[in-house]
Amino acid sequence: MMATTHALAGLALAAALVFIAPQFAAVVAVAAIAGGLVPDFDLLASHRRTLHFPVYYGAFAVPAGLVAAIVPTDLTVGVAVFLGAAGLHSISDRFGGGLEPKPWRETSERAVFSHYHGRWLAPRRWIRYDGAPEDLALAVVLAIPALLVFDGVVQTAVLAMLAVSLGYAIVRKPIVSLGEWLIDRLPASVLSVVPSALLPIEDESERARDRRKNGDGD
């Protein structure tokens, strides 16, 4: 799923909490967006593994939620919402496509790594790939609670995320082809420092992998 879809899912969760504790509207909105986005910061490391914890985020969110209910402060409520949104992100990645540059080809059986189970969880492909039409539709549906509950800056942020989602959905497939074209033309000195997760070609492609290994192609 798109990063914006994850952020909007966190905000949908936050919107429900605002009915219970409207005084924390600002903090839950910020925590929900942060929790929805932070797991994807591992794109430059081991994507869907380094910062994705489909079991542990949720496990810690439960006691954090109890603490927030007993001692409701900006900090306790924010931490609980952050963990809940991050957990929702990590879990929902399993229902998308596999971890591959072209997930619509369905060649990867890696969706998200579960540190608890010590293995990769297989994709369910309910959302075929990030930026798919159904991913965009889900983002729109998830945005509705936030648009109804929040106003001001948060509402503007939601509309901005929807605009980004639409733009990304339009260029999702063409941008992979563009990436392949660029990779084929990068000198080996530059290619050697490009994170593997950013190489928009299956298995890094034999040609790109050989160039990274041999240091030729300048």
C-alpha atoms as a PDB file:
ATOM      1  CA  MET A   1       0.000   0.000   0.000  1.00  0.00           C
ATOM      2  CA  MET A   2       1.014   3.612  -0.482  1.00  0.00           C
ATOM      3  CA  ALA A   3       2.597   5.440   2.456  1.00  0.00           C
ATOM      4  CA  THR A   4      -0.289   7.904   2.274  1.00  0.00           C
ATOM      5  CA  THR A   5      -2.797   5.067   2.616  1.00  0.00           C
ATOM      6  CA  HIS A   6      -1.041   3.948   5.791  1.00  0.00           C
ATOM      7  CA  ALA A   7      -1.038   7.495   7.167  1.00  0.00           C
ATOM      8  CA  LEU A   8      -4.751   7.885   6.397  1.00  0.00           C
ATOM      9  CA  ALA A   9      -5.467   4.550   8.082  1.00  0.00           C
ATOM     10  CA  GLY A  10      -3.748   5.878  11.201  1.00  0.00           C
ATOM     11  CA  LEU A  11      -5.839   9.038  11.016  1.00  0.00           C
ATOM     12  CA  ALA A  12      -9.023   6.984  10.702  1.00  0.00           C
ATOM     13  CA  LEU A  13      -8.023   5.270  13.941  1.00  0.00           C
ATOM     14  CA  ALA A  14      -7.284   8.647  15.519  1.00  0.00           C
ATOM     15  CA  ALA A  15     -10.633  10.046  14.391  1.00  0.00           C
ATOM     16  CA  ALA A  16     -12.437   7.393  16.436  1.00  0.00           C
ATOM     17  CA  LEU A  17     -10.461   8.401  19.527  1.00  0.00           C
ATOM     18  CA  VAL A  18     -11.309  12.072  19.086  1.00  0.00           C
ATOM     19  CA  PHE A  19     -14.956  11.292  19.893  1.00  0.00           C
ATOM     20  CA  ILE A  20     -13.808   9.940  23.273  1.00  0.00           C
ATOM     21  CA  ALA A  21     -11.174  12.550  24.060  1.00  0.00           C
ATOM     22  CA  PRO A  22     -11.523  15.607  21.782  1.00  0.00           C
ATOM     23  CA  GLN A  23      -8.965  17.516  23.860  1.00  0.00           C
ATOM     24  CA  PHE A  24      -6.249  15.292  22.395  1.00  0.00           C
ATOM     25  CA  ALA A  25      -7.250  15.881  18.770  1.00  0.00           C
ATOM     26  CA  ALA A  26      -3.974  17.538  17.786  1.00  0.00           C
ATOM     27  CA  VAL A  27      -1.667  15.034  19.444  1.00  0.00           C
ATOM     28  CA  VAL A  28      -3.515  11.967  18.146  1.00  0.00           C
ATOM     29  CA  ALA A  29      -3.484  13.375  14.612  1.00  0.00           C
ATOM     30  CA  VAL A  30       0.279  13.931  14.683  1.00  0.00           C
ATOM     31  CA  ALA A  31       0.942  10.565  16.338  1.00  0.00           C
ATOM     32  CA  ALA A  32      -1.311   8.743  13.884  1.00  0.00           C
ATOM     33  CA  ILE A  33       0.373  10.236  10.821  1.00  0.00           C
ATOM     34  CA  ALA A  34       3.837   9.566  12.271  1.00  0.00           C
ATOM     35  CA  GLY A  35       2.948   5.996  13.205  1.00  0.00           C
ATOM     36  CA  GLY A  36       1.500   5.400   9.763  1.00  0.00           C
ATOM     37  CA  LEU A  37       4.637   6.643   8.024  1.00  0.00           C
ATOM     38  CA  VAL A  38       7.600   5.657  10.226  1.00  0.00           C
ATOM     39  CA  PRO A  39       7.723   1.923   9.321  1.00  0.00           C
ATOM     40  CA  ASP A  40       8.436   2.853   5.709  1.00  0.00           C
ATOM     41  CA  PHE A  41      11.546   4.776   6.771  1.00  0.00           C
ATOM     42  CA  ASP A  42      13.346   1.437   6.438  1.00  0.00           C
ATOM     43  CA  LEU A  43      13.248   1.836   2.655  1.00  0.00           C
ATOM     44  CA  LEU A  44      16.969   2.666   2.755  1.00  0.00           C
ATOM     45  CA  ALA A  45      17.739  -0.346   4.961  1.00  0.00           C
ATOM     46  CA  SER A  46      15.882  -3.661   4.720  1.00  0.00           C
ATOM     47  CA  HIS A  47      12.434  -2.611   3.568  1.00  0.00           C
ATOM     48  CA  ARG A  48       9.445  -4.087   5.409  1.00  0.00           C
ATOM     49  CA  ARG A  49      11.824  -5.653   7.887  1.00  0.00           C
ATOM     50  CA  THR A  50      13.982  -3.142   9.772  1.00  0.00           C
ATOM     51  CA  LEU A  51      11.120  -0.964  11.069  1.00  0.00           C
ATOM     52  CA  HIS A  52       8.151  -3.243  10.410  1.00  0.00           C
ATOM     53  CA  PHE A  53       6.929  -5.210  13.430  1.00  0.00           C
ATOM     54  CA  PRO A  54       3.491  -6.722  12.696  1.00  0.00           C
ATOM     55  CA  VAL A  55       3.360  -8.377  16.131  1.00  0.00           C
ATOM     56  CA  TYR A  56       5.424  -6.230  18.481  1.00  0.00           C
ATOM     57  CA  TYR A  57       3.898  -2.820  17.697  1.00  0.00           C
ATOM     58  CA  GLY A  58       0.471  -4.173  18.554  1.00  0.00           C
ATOM     59  CA  ALA A  59       1.758  -6.019  21.608  1.00  0.00           C
ATOM     60  CA  PHE A  60       3.182  -2.785  23.025  1.00  0.00           C
ATOM     61  CA  ALA A  61       0.174  -0.734  21.933  1.00  0.00           C
ATOM     62  CA  VAL A  62      -2.127  -2.647  24.314  1.00  0.00           C
ATOM     63  CA  PRO A  63      -0.329  -1.752  27.585  1.00  0.00           C
ATOM     64  CA  ALA A  64       0.389   1.727  26.204  1.00  0.00           C
ATOM     65  CA  GLY A  65      -3.336   2.158  25.615  1.00  0.00           C
ATOM     66  CA  LEU A  66      -4.114   1.052  29.165  1.00  0.00           C
ATOM     67  CA  VAL A  67      -1.612   3.546  30.547  1.00  0.00           C
ATOM     68  CA  ALA A  68      -3.149   6.280  28.394  1.00  0.00           C
ATOM     69  CA  ALA A  69      -6.623   5.396  29.675  1.00  0.00           C
ATOM     70  CA  ILE A  70      -5.474   5.549  33.301  1.00  0.00           C
ATOM     71  CA  VAL A  71      -3.138   8.526  32.960  1.00  0.00           C
ATOM     72  CA  PRO A  72      -4.296  10.475  29.891  1.00  0.00           C
ATOM     73  CA  THR A  73      -1.619  12.972  28.907  1.00  0.00           C
ATOM     74  CA  ASP A  74      -0.320  14.164  25.568  1.00  0.00           C
ATOM     75  CA  LEU A  75       2.646  11.806  25.929  1.00  0.00           C
ATOM     76  CA  THR A  76       0.777   8.648  26.945  1.00  0.00           C
ATOM     77  CA  VAL A  77      -1.994   9.142  24.402  1.00  0.00           C
ATOM     78  CA  GLY A  78       0.490  10.014  21.660  1.00  0.00           C
ATOM     79  CA  VAL A  79       2.636   6.944  22.311  1.00  0.00           C
ATOM     80  CA  ALA A  80      -0.389   4.630  22.305  1.00  0.00           C
ATOM     81  CA  VAL A  81      -1.724   6.050  19.032  1.00  0.00           C
ATOM     82  CA  PHE A  82       1.720   5.968  17.414  1.00  0.00           C
ATOM     83  CA  LEU A  83       2.198   2.290  18.285  1.00  0.00           C
ATOM     84  CA  GLY A  84      -1.317   1.451  17.124  1.00  0.00           C
ATOM     85  CA  ALA A  85      -0.857   3.200  13.777  1.00  0.00           C
ATOM     86  CA  ALA A  86       2.593   1.653  13.242  1.00  0.00           C
ATOM     87  CA  GLY A  87       1.175  -1.765  14.058  1.00  0.00           C
ATOM     88  CA  LEU A  88      -1.719  -1.263  11.670  1.00  0.00           C
ATOM     89  CA  HIS A  89       0.760  -0.294   8.950  1.00  0.00           C
ATOM     90  CA  SER A  90       2.938  -3.357   9.543  1.00  0.00           C
ATOM     91  CA  ILE A  91       0.017  -5.781   9.626  1.00  0.00           C
ATOM     92  CA  SER A  92      -1.763  -4.316   6.606  1.00  0.00           C
ATOM     93  CA  ASP A  93       1.348  -4.691   4.435  1.00  0.00           C
ATOM     94  CA  ARG A  94       0.622  -8.406   4.418  1.00  0.00           C
ATOM     95  CA  PHE A  95      -2.640  -7.748   2.616  1.00  0.00           C
ATOM     96  CA  GLY A  96      -0.883  -5.961  -0.221  1.00  0.00           C
ATOM     97  CA  GLY A  97       1.488  -7.199  -2.892  1.00  0.00           C
ATOM     98  CA  GLY A  98       4.903  -8.757  -2.536  1.00  0.00           C
ATOM     99  CA  LEU A  99       8.164  -6.973  -1.898  1.00  0.00           C
ATOM    100  CA  GLU A 100       9.281  -6.463  -5.491  1.00  0.00           C
ATOM    101  CA  PRO A 101       9.648  -3.541  -7.922  1.00  0.00           C
ATOM    102  CA  LYS A 102       6.749  -4.804 -10.069  1.00  0.00           C
ATOM    103  CA  PRO A 103       4.360  -6.468  -7.592  1.00  0.00           C
ATOM    104  CA  TRP A 104       1.636  -6.723 -10.225  1.00  0.00           C
ATOM    105  CA  ARG A 105       3.643  -9.628 -11.662  1.00  0.00           C
ATOM    106  CA  GLU A 106       3.172 -11.540  -8.378  1.00  0.00           C
ATOM    107  CA  THR A 107       6.636 -13.124  -8.342  1.00  0.00           C
ATOM    108  CA  SER A 108       7.546 -12.435  -4.695  1.00  0.00           C
ATOM    109  CA  GLU A 109       6.197 -14.282  -1.678  1.00  0.00           C
ATOM    110  CA  ARG A 110       7.630 -11.745   0.777  1.00  0.00           C
ATOM    111  CA  ALA A 111       5.134  -9.214   2.108  1.00  0.00           C
ATOM    112  CA  VAL A 112       6.434  -8.218   5.542  1.00  0.00           C
ATOM    113  CA  PHE A 113       8.928  -9.758   7.944  1.00  0.00           C
ATOM    114  CA  SER A 114       7.627 -10.944  11.308  1.00  0.00           C
ATOM    115  CA  HIS A 115      10.378 -10.759  13.910  1.00  0.00           C
ATOM    116  CA  TYR A 116       8.173 -12.720  16.289  1.00  0.00           C
ATOM    117  CA  HIS A 117       7.852 -15.638  13.869  1.00  0.00           C
ATOM    118  CA  GLY A 118      11.350 -15.187  12.470  1.00  0.00           C
ATOM    119  CA  ARG A 119      10.206 -15.341   8.849  1.00  0.00           C
ATOM    120  CA  TRP A 120       8.648 -13.425   5.995  1.00  0.00           C
ATOM    121  CA  LEU A 121       4.871 -13.449   5.796  1.00  0.00           C
ATOM    122  CA  ALA A 122       3.381 -14.118   2.375  1.00  0.00           C
ATOM    123  CA  PRO A 123       1.325 -11.429   0.606  1.00  0.00           C
ATOM    124  CA  ARG A 124      -2.441 -11.821   0.417  1.00  0.00           C
ATOM    125  CA  ARG A 125      -2.675  -9.356  -2.515  1.00  0.00           C
ATOM    126  CA  TRP A 126      -6.052  -7.919  -1.572  1.00  0.00           C
ATOM    127  CA  ILE A 127      -4.407  -4.678  -2.659  1.00  0.00           C
ATOM    128  CA  ARG A 128      -2.401  -5.907  -5.643  1.00  0.00           C
ATOM    129  CA  TYR A 129       0.343  -3.298  -5.393  1.00  0.00           C
ATOM    130  CA  ASP A 130       1.026   0.124  -3.932  1.00  0.00           C
ATOM    131  CA  GLY A 131      -0.636   2.692  -6.166  1.00  0.00           C
ATOM    132  CA  ALA A 132      -3.156   0.216  -7.582  1.00  0.00           C
ATOM    133  CA  PRO A 133      -6.689   1.545  -8.260  1.00  0.00           C
ATOM    134  CA  GLU A 134      -7.974  -0.318  -5.206  1.00  0.00           C
ATOM    135  CA  ASP A 135      -5.203   1.237  -3.104  1.00  0.00           C
ATOM    136  CA  LEU A 136      -6.309   4.713  -4.209  1.00  0.00           C
ATOM    137  CA  ALA A 137      -9.946   3.827  -3.503  1.00  0.00           C
ATOM    138  CA  LEU A 138      -9.005   2.629  -0.020  1.00  0.00           C
ATOM    139  CA  ALA A 139      -7.121   5.880   0.626  1.00  0.00           C
ATOM    140  CA  VAL A 140     -10.226   7.873  -0.299  1.00  0.00           C
ATOM    141  CA  VAL A 141     -12.452   5.808   2.013  1.00  0.00           C
ATOM    142  CA  LEU A 142      -9.957   6.070   4.902  1.00  0.00           C
ATOM    143  CA  ALA A 143      -9.777   9.834   4.466  1.00  0.00           C
ATOM    144  CA  ILE A 144     -13.496  10.332   5.105  1.00  0.00           C
ATOM    145  CA  PRO A 145     -13.428   9.957   8.932  1.00  0.00           C
ATOM    146  CA  ALA A 146     -10.498  12.360   9.228  1.00  0.00           C
ATOM    147  CA  LEU A 147     -12.174  14.935   6.962  1.00  0.00           C
ATOM    148  CA  LEU A 148     -15.335  14.744   9.062  1.00  0.00           C
ATOM    149  CA  VAL A 149     -13.630  14.915  12.465  1.00  0.00           C
ATOM    150  CA  PHE A 150     -10.603  17.136  11.980  1.00  0.00           C
ATOM    151  CA  ASP A 151     -10.340  20.624  10.565  1.00  0.00           C
ATOM    152  CA  GLY A 152      -7.678  23.203   9.869  1.00  0.00           C
ATOM    153  CA  VAL A 153      -4.141  21.922   9.287  1.00  0.00           C
ATOM    154  CA  VAL A 154      -5.072  18.255   9.632  1.00  0.00           C
ATOM    155  CA  GLN A 155      -7.854  18.535   7.088  1.00  0.00           C
ATOM    156  CA  THR A 156      -5.470  20.275   4.695  1.00  0.00           C
ATOM    157  CA  ALA A 157      -2.908  17.516   5.256  1.00  0.00           C
ATOM    158  CA  VAL A 158      -5.528  14.877   4.431  1.00  0.00           C
ATOM    159  CA  LEU A 159      -6.434  16.609   1.174  1.00  0.00           C
ATOM    160  CA  ALA A 160      -2.737  16.913   0.329  1.00  0.00           C
ATOM    161  CA  MET A 161      -2.222  13.191   0.940  1.00  0.00           C
ATOM    162  CA  LEU A 162      -5.141  12.393  -1.339  1.00  0.00           C
ATOM    163  CA  ALA A 163      -3.603  14.557  -4.061  1.00  0.00           C
ATOM    164  CA  VAL A 164      -0.253  12.781  -3.630  1.00  0.00           C
ATOM    165  CA  SER A 165      -2.018   9.415  -3.708  1.00  0.00           C
ATOM    166  CA  LEU A 166      -3.737  10.261  -6.985  1.00  0.00           C
ATOM    167  CA  GLY A 167      -0.504  11.472  -8.537  1.00  0.00           C
ATOM    168  CA  TYR A 168       1.417   8.403  -7.407  1.00  0.00           C
ATOM    169  CA  ALA A 169      -1.294   6.048  -8.684  1.00  0.00           C
ATOM    170  CA  ILE A 170      -1.048   7.685 -12.111  1.00  0.00           C
ATOM    171  CA  VAL A 171       2.750   7.377 -12.396  1.00  0.00           C
ATOM    172  CA  ARG A 172       3.271   4.128 -10.451  1.00  0.00           C
ATOM    173  CA  LYS A 173       3.937   1.868 -13.433  1.00  0.00           C
ATOM    174  CA  PRO A 174       5.595   4.408 -15.764  1.00  0.00           C
ATOM    175  CA  ILE A 175       8.034   5.434 -13.029  1.00  0.00           C
ATOM    176  CA  VAL A 176       9.359   1.869 -12.803  1.00  0.00           C
ATOM    177  CA  SER A 177      10.168   1.905 -16.521  1.00  0.00           C
ATOM    178  CA  LEU A 178      11.853   5.268 -16.100  1.00  0.00           C
ATOM    179  CA  GLY A 179      13.843   3.909 -13.186  1.00  0.00           C
ATOM    180  CA  GLU A 180      15.045   0.973 -15.247  1.00  0.00           C
ATOM    181  CA  TRP A 181      16.123   3.337 -18.016  1.00  0.00           C
ATOM    182  CA  LEU A 182      18.078   5.489 -15.523  1.00  0.00           C
ATOM    183  CA  ILE A 183      19.713   2.524 -13.773  1.00  0.00           C
ATOM    184  CA  ASP A 184      21.033   1.218 -17.082  1.00  0.00           C
ATOM    185  CA  ARG A 185      22.764   4.553 -17.621  1.00  0.00           C
ATOM    186  CA  LEU A 186      24.246   5.172 -14.175  1.00  0.00           C
ATOM    187  CA  PRO A 187      28.026   4.783 -13.846  1.00  0.00           C
ATOM    188  CA  ALA A 188      29.130   1.920 -11.621  1.00  0.00           C
ATOM    189  CA  SER A 189      30.602   4.384  -9.105  1.00  0.00           C
ATOM    190  CA  VAL A 190      27.119   5.792  -8.515  1.00  0.00           C
ATOM    191  CA  LEU A 191      25.280   2.474  -8.851  1.00  0.00           C
ATOM    192  CA  SER A 192      27.422   0.936  -6.109  1.00  0.00           C
ATOM    193  CA  VAL A 193      25.977   3.287  -3.483  1.00  0.00           C
ATOM    194  CA  VAL A 194      22.335   3.025  -4.573  1.00  0.00           C
ATOM    195  CA  PRO A 195      20.380   0.975  -1.989  1.00  0.00           C
ATOM    196  CA  SER A 196      19.142  -2.292  -3.473  1.00  0.00           C
ATOM    197  CA  ALA A 197      15.603  -1.467  -2.386  1.00  0.00           C
ATOM    198  CA  LEU A 198      15.623   1.522  -4.724  1.00  0.00           C
ATOM    199  CA  LEU A 199      16.684  -0.415  -7.799  1.00  0.00           C
ATOM    200  CA  PRO A 200      13.440  -0.540  -9.820  1.00  0.00           C
ATOM    201  CA  ILE A 201      14.194  -3.820 -11.560  1.00  0.00           C
ATOM    202  CA  GLU A 202      13.569  -7.422 -10.691  1.00  0.00           C
ATOM    203  CA  ASP A 203      16.375  -8.914  -8.593  1.00  0.00           C
ATOM    204  CA  GLU A 204      18.394  -5.764  -9.378  1.00  0.00           C
ATOM    205  CA  SER A 205      18.670  -7.224 -12.942  1.00  0.00           C
ATOM    206  CA  GLU A 206      21.657  -9.303 -13.933  1.00  0.00           C
ATOM    207  CA  ARG A 207      23.222  -6.397 -15.765  1.00  0.00           C
ATOM    208  CA  ALA A 208      22.938  -3.890 -12.907  1.00  0.00           C
ATOM    209  CA  ARG A 209      24.087  -6.465 -10.367  1.00  0.00           C
ATOM    210  CA  ASP A 210      27.142  -7.344 -12.441  1.00  0.00           C
ATOM    211  CA  ARG A 211      28.029  -3.697 -12.872  1.00  0.00           C
ATOM    212  CA  ARG A 212      27.777  -3.073  -9.125  1.00  0.00           C
ATOM    213  CA  LYS A 213      29.982  -6.095  -8.466  1.00  0.00           C
ATOM    214  CA  ASN A 214      32.612  -5.510 -11.128  1.00  0.00           C
ATOM    215  CA  GLY A 215      32.727  -1.728 -10.949  1.00  0.00           C
ATOM    216  CA  ASP A 216      32.592  -1.267 -14.716  1.00  0.00           C
ATOM    217  CA  GLY A 217      30.205   0.654 -16.913  1.00  0.00           C
ATOM    218  CA  ASP A 218      31.513   4.199 -16.314  1.00  0.00           C
END
